Protein backbone atom coordinates (compact mmCIF):
# COMPACT_ATOMS: atom_id res chain seq x y z
CA MET A 1 -29.30 2.99 2.42
CA ARG A 2 -26.05 4.02 4.07
CA ARG A 3 -27.23 2.62 7.42
CA LEU A 4 -28.13 -0.69 5.82
CA LEU A 5 -24.75 -0.92 4.13
CA ARG A 6 -23.01 -0.08 7.42
CA ALA A 7 -25.05 -2.74 9.22
CA LEU A 8 -24.13 -5.37 6.63
CA LEU A 9 -20.50 -4.33 6.30
CA PRO A 10 -19.34 -2.83 9.60
CA ALA A 11 -15.68 -3.12 8.56
CA PRO A 12 -15.43 -3.07 4.74
CA LEU A 13 -11.64 -3.24 4.65
CA ILE A 14 -11.59 -6.28 6.95
CA SER A 15 -14.31 -7.88 4.82
CA ALA A 16 -12.28 -7.32 1.67
CA LEU A 17 -9.15 -8.73 3.28
CA LEU A 18 -11.01 -11.79 4.56
CA PHE A 19 -12.49 -12.39 1.10
CA VAL A 20 -9.12 -12.20 -0.65
CA THR A 21 -7.34 -14.18 2.07
CA TRP A 22 -9.87 -17.01 1.87
CA LEU A 23 -9.40 -17.29 -1.88
CA MET A 24 -5.61 -17.16 -1.59
CA LEU A 25 -5.48 -19.79 1.14
CA ASN A 26 -7.66 -22.13 -0.90
CA GLN A 27 -5.90 -21.31 -4.18
CA SER A 28 -9.20 -21.47 -5.98
CA ALA A 29 -11.87 -19.11 -7.24
CA SER A 30 -14.46 -21.84 -7.75
CA PRO A 31 -18.10 -20.89 -7.13
CA GLY A 32 -18.08 -22.71 -3.80
CA ASN A 33 -14.96 -20.92 -2.60
CA LEU A 34 -16.33 -17.57 -3.77
CA LEU A 35 -19.48 -18.25 -1.77
CA LEU A 36 -17.54 -19.30 1.34
CA ALA A 37 -15.21 -16.28 1.01
CA ALA A 38 -18.21 -13.96 0.78
CA ALA A 39 -19.84 -15.63 3.78
CA CYS A 40 -16.67 -15.22 5.87
CA ALA A 41 -16.25 -11.64 4.68
CA LEU A 42 -19.78 -10.79 5.78
CA VAL A 43 -20.21 -12.86 8.94
CA VAL A 44 -16.86 -12.53 10.75
CA PRO A 45 -16.76 -8.69 10.89
CA TRP A 46 -20.46 -8.56 11.74
CA ILE A 47 -20.03 -10.95 14.69
CA SER A 48 -16.78 -9.40 15.92
CA GLU A 49 -17.96 -5.77 15.63
CA ARG A 50 -19.21 -5.66 19.21
CA PHE A 51 -15.73 -6.62 20.48
CA ARG A 52 -14.13 -3.52 18.91
CA PRO A 53 -14.79 -0.62 21.28
CA GLU A 54 -13.35 2.01 18.96
CA ARG A 55 -12.31 2.24 15.35
CA PRO A 56 -8.86 3.32 14.27
CA ARG A 57 -8.65 6.76 12.68
CA LEU A 58 -5.99 6.97 9.99
CA LYS A 59 -4.73 10.51 9.57
CA ALA A 60 -1.81 10.17 7.14
CA PHE A 61 -2.79 7.32 4.85
CA GLY A 62 0.07 8.20 2.47
CA THR A 63 2.58 7.16 5.14
CA VAL A 64 1.26 3.57 5.16
CA PRO A 65 3.00 2.47 1.91
CA ARG A 66 6.27 4.09 3.00
CA LEU A 67 6.11 2.26 6.35
CA ALA A 68 5.23 -1.00 4.57
CA VAL A 69 8.35 -0.72 2.39
CA VAL A 70 10.53 -0.09 5.46
CA VAL A 71 9.01 -3.05 7.31
CA LEU A 72 9.32 -5.42 4.34
CA ARG A 73 12.95 -4.40 3.81
CA ASP A 74 13.70 -4.88 7.51
CA ILE A 75 12.08 -8.32 7.47
CA VAL A 76 14.31 -9.45 4.58
CA VAL A 77 17.50 -7.99 6.09
CA SER A 78 16.66 -9.41 9.53
CA ASN A 79 15.99 -12.87 8.07
CA VAL A 80 19.49 -12.93 6.61
CA ASP A 81 21.03 -11.65 9.85
CA VAL A 82 19.16 -14.15 12.03
CA ALA A 83 20.07 -17.04 9.72
CA ARG A 84 23.73 -16.00 9.81
CA ARG A 85 23.70 -15.80 13.60
CA VAL A 86 21.80 -19.06 14.15
CA LEU A 87 24.00 -21.00 11.74
CA GLY A 88 27.21 -19.36 12.99
CA PRO A 89 29.08 -19.63 16.26
CA GLU A 90 27.09 -19.52 19.48
CA ALA A 91 28.92 -16.35 20.53
CA ALA A 92 27.13 -14.51 17.69
CA ILE A 93 23.95 -14.54 19.77
CA ARG A 94 23.73 -12.35 22.87
CA SER A 95 20.04 -11.87 23.57
CA ARG A 96 18.46 -9.48 26.03
CA PHE A 97 15.24 -7.74 26.91
CA VAL A 98 15.01 -4.00 26.25
CA TRP A 99 12.31 -1.59 27.44
CA VAL A 100 11.31 0.79 24.64
CA PRO A 101 9.72 4.04 25.88
CA LEU A 102 6.60 4.84 23.86
CA ASP A 103 5.40 8.21 22.66
CA LEU A 104 2.39 6.55 21.00
CA ARG A 105 -0.90 6.77 22.90
CA ASP A 106 -3.39 5.38 20.38
CA PRO A 107 -4.01 1.70 21.23
CA HIS A 108 -4.19 0.76 17.54
CA ALA A 109 -0.79 2.33 16.92
CA ILE A 110 0.71 0.48 19.89
CA VAL A 111 -0.69 -2.83 18.62
CA ALA A 112 0.66 -2.10 15.14
CA LEU A 113 4.10 -1.32 16.59
CA ALA A 114 4.12 -4.52 18.65
CA GLY A 115 3.07 -6.49 15.58
CA ILE A 116 5.78 -4.96 13.39
CA ILE A 117 8.43 -5.70 16.00
CA THR A 118 7.25 -9.30 16.33
CA MET A 119 7.11 -9.82 12.54
CA THR A 120 10.70 -8.69 12.17
CA PRO A 121 12.99 -11.69 12.77
CA GLY A 122 15.30 -11.29 15.72
CA THR A 123 12.91 -9.19 17.80
CA LEU A 124 9.77 -10.00 19.72
CA SER A 125 7.31 -7.79 21.60
CA SER A 126 6.74 -9.47 24.91
CA GLU A 127 5.00 -7.05 27.30
CA LEU A 128 3.34 -3.68 27.48
CA SER A 129 3.66 -1.80 30.77
CA GLU A 130 0.45 -1.14 32.71
CA ASP A 131 0.60 2.57 31.91
CA ARG A 132 1.20 1.79 28.20
CA ARG A 133 4.33 3.93 28.17
CA HIS A 134 6.91 1.14 27.67
CA LEU A 135 7.08 -1.92 25.45
CA LEU A 136 9.34 -4.81 26.44
CA VAL A 137 11.19 -6.16 23.40
CA HIS A 138 13.34 -9.27 23.28
CA ALA A 139 16.25 -8.93 20.87
CA LEU A 140 18.13 -11.98 19.62
CA HIS A 141 21.40 -10.07 19.47
CA CYS A 142 21.89 -7.04 21.68
CA PRO A 143 25.28 -7.45 23.36
CA ASP A 144 25.58 -4.21 25.33
CA ASP A 145 23.91 -0.96 26.36
CA ALA A 146 25.01 0.79 23.17
CA ALA A 147 23.31 -1.87 21.07
CA ALA A 148 20.19 -1.57 23.25
CA ALA A 149 20.15 2.20 22.73
CA ALA A 150 20.58 1.70 18.98
CA LEU A 151 17.69 -0.80 18.96
CA VAL A 152 15.43 1.65 20.80
CA ASP A 153 16.44 4.45 18.42
CA ASP A 154 15.75 2.27 15.35
CA ILE A 155 12.32 1.23 16.62
CA LYS A 156 11.34 4.79 17.45
CA ARG A 157 12.65 6.28 14.20
CA ARG A 158 11.73 3.56 11.70
CA TYR A 159 8.39 2.38 13.12
CA GLU A 160 7.02 4.55 15.92
CA ALA A 161 7.40 7.91 14.13
CA PRO A 162 5.50 6.78 10.99
CA LEU A 163 2.83 5.10 13.15
CA ALA A 164 2.40 8.38 15.06
CA GLU A 165 1.83 10.14 11.72
CA ILE A 166 -0.71 7.51 10.68
CA PHE A 167 -2.71 7.19 13.90
CA GLU A 168 -2.19 10.33 15.99
């Protein structure tokens, strides 16, 4: 029975998220939308399963909500800061690329970090070094080396450390 369930639902969390997302995007829980949501939730993970070479292993699941609160707060604060800079004088924007050294080794953790950085307004993950030890981040406002060091420190402390707890 367990094998059958695993064959039908190779990624139950992804299936659940797809189901809910479909209903939210369509803003309807009509029978047709419920059927289409269920079909997407079953078919998409089943088809894409062969493209996932390894599954993520979460070790400290309790850290996930704490990280989510930090990320959501940073997104709100960054939105205000970016709006202020974009609507203000041009001198308020001094962008630059910064290499962030990574302690993370789990590929899922690195992808999560890159995603968090990209979701936060004012920063964008743009490249991962071949050896996966550095992530290139573009910052909208990073005027000098001290600001770059502060950016690296913030990323490592606020995002990388919790992701290391979760994945490694």
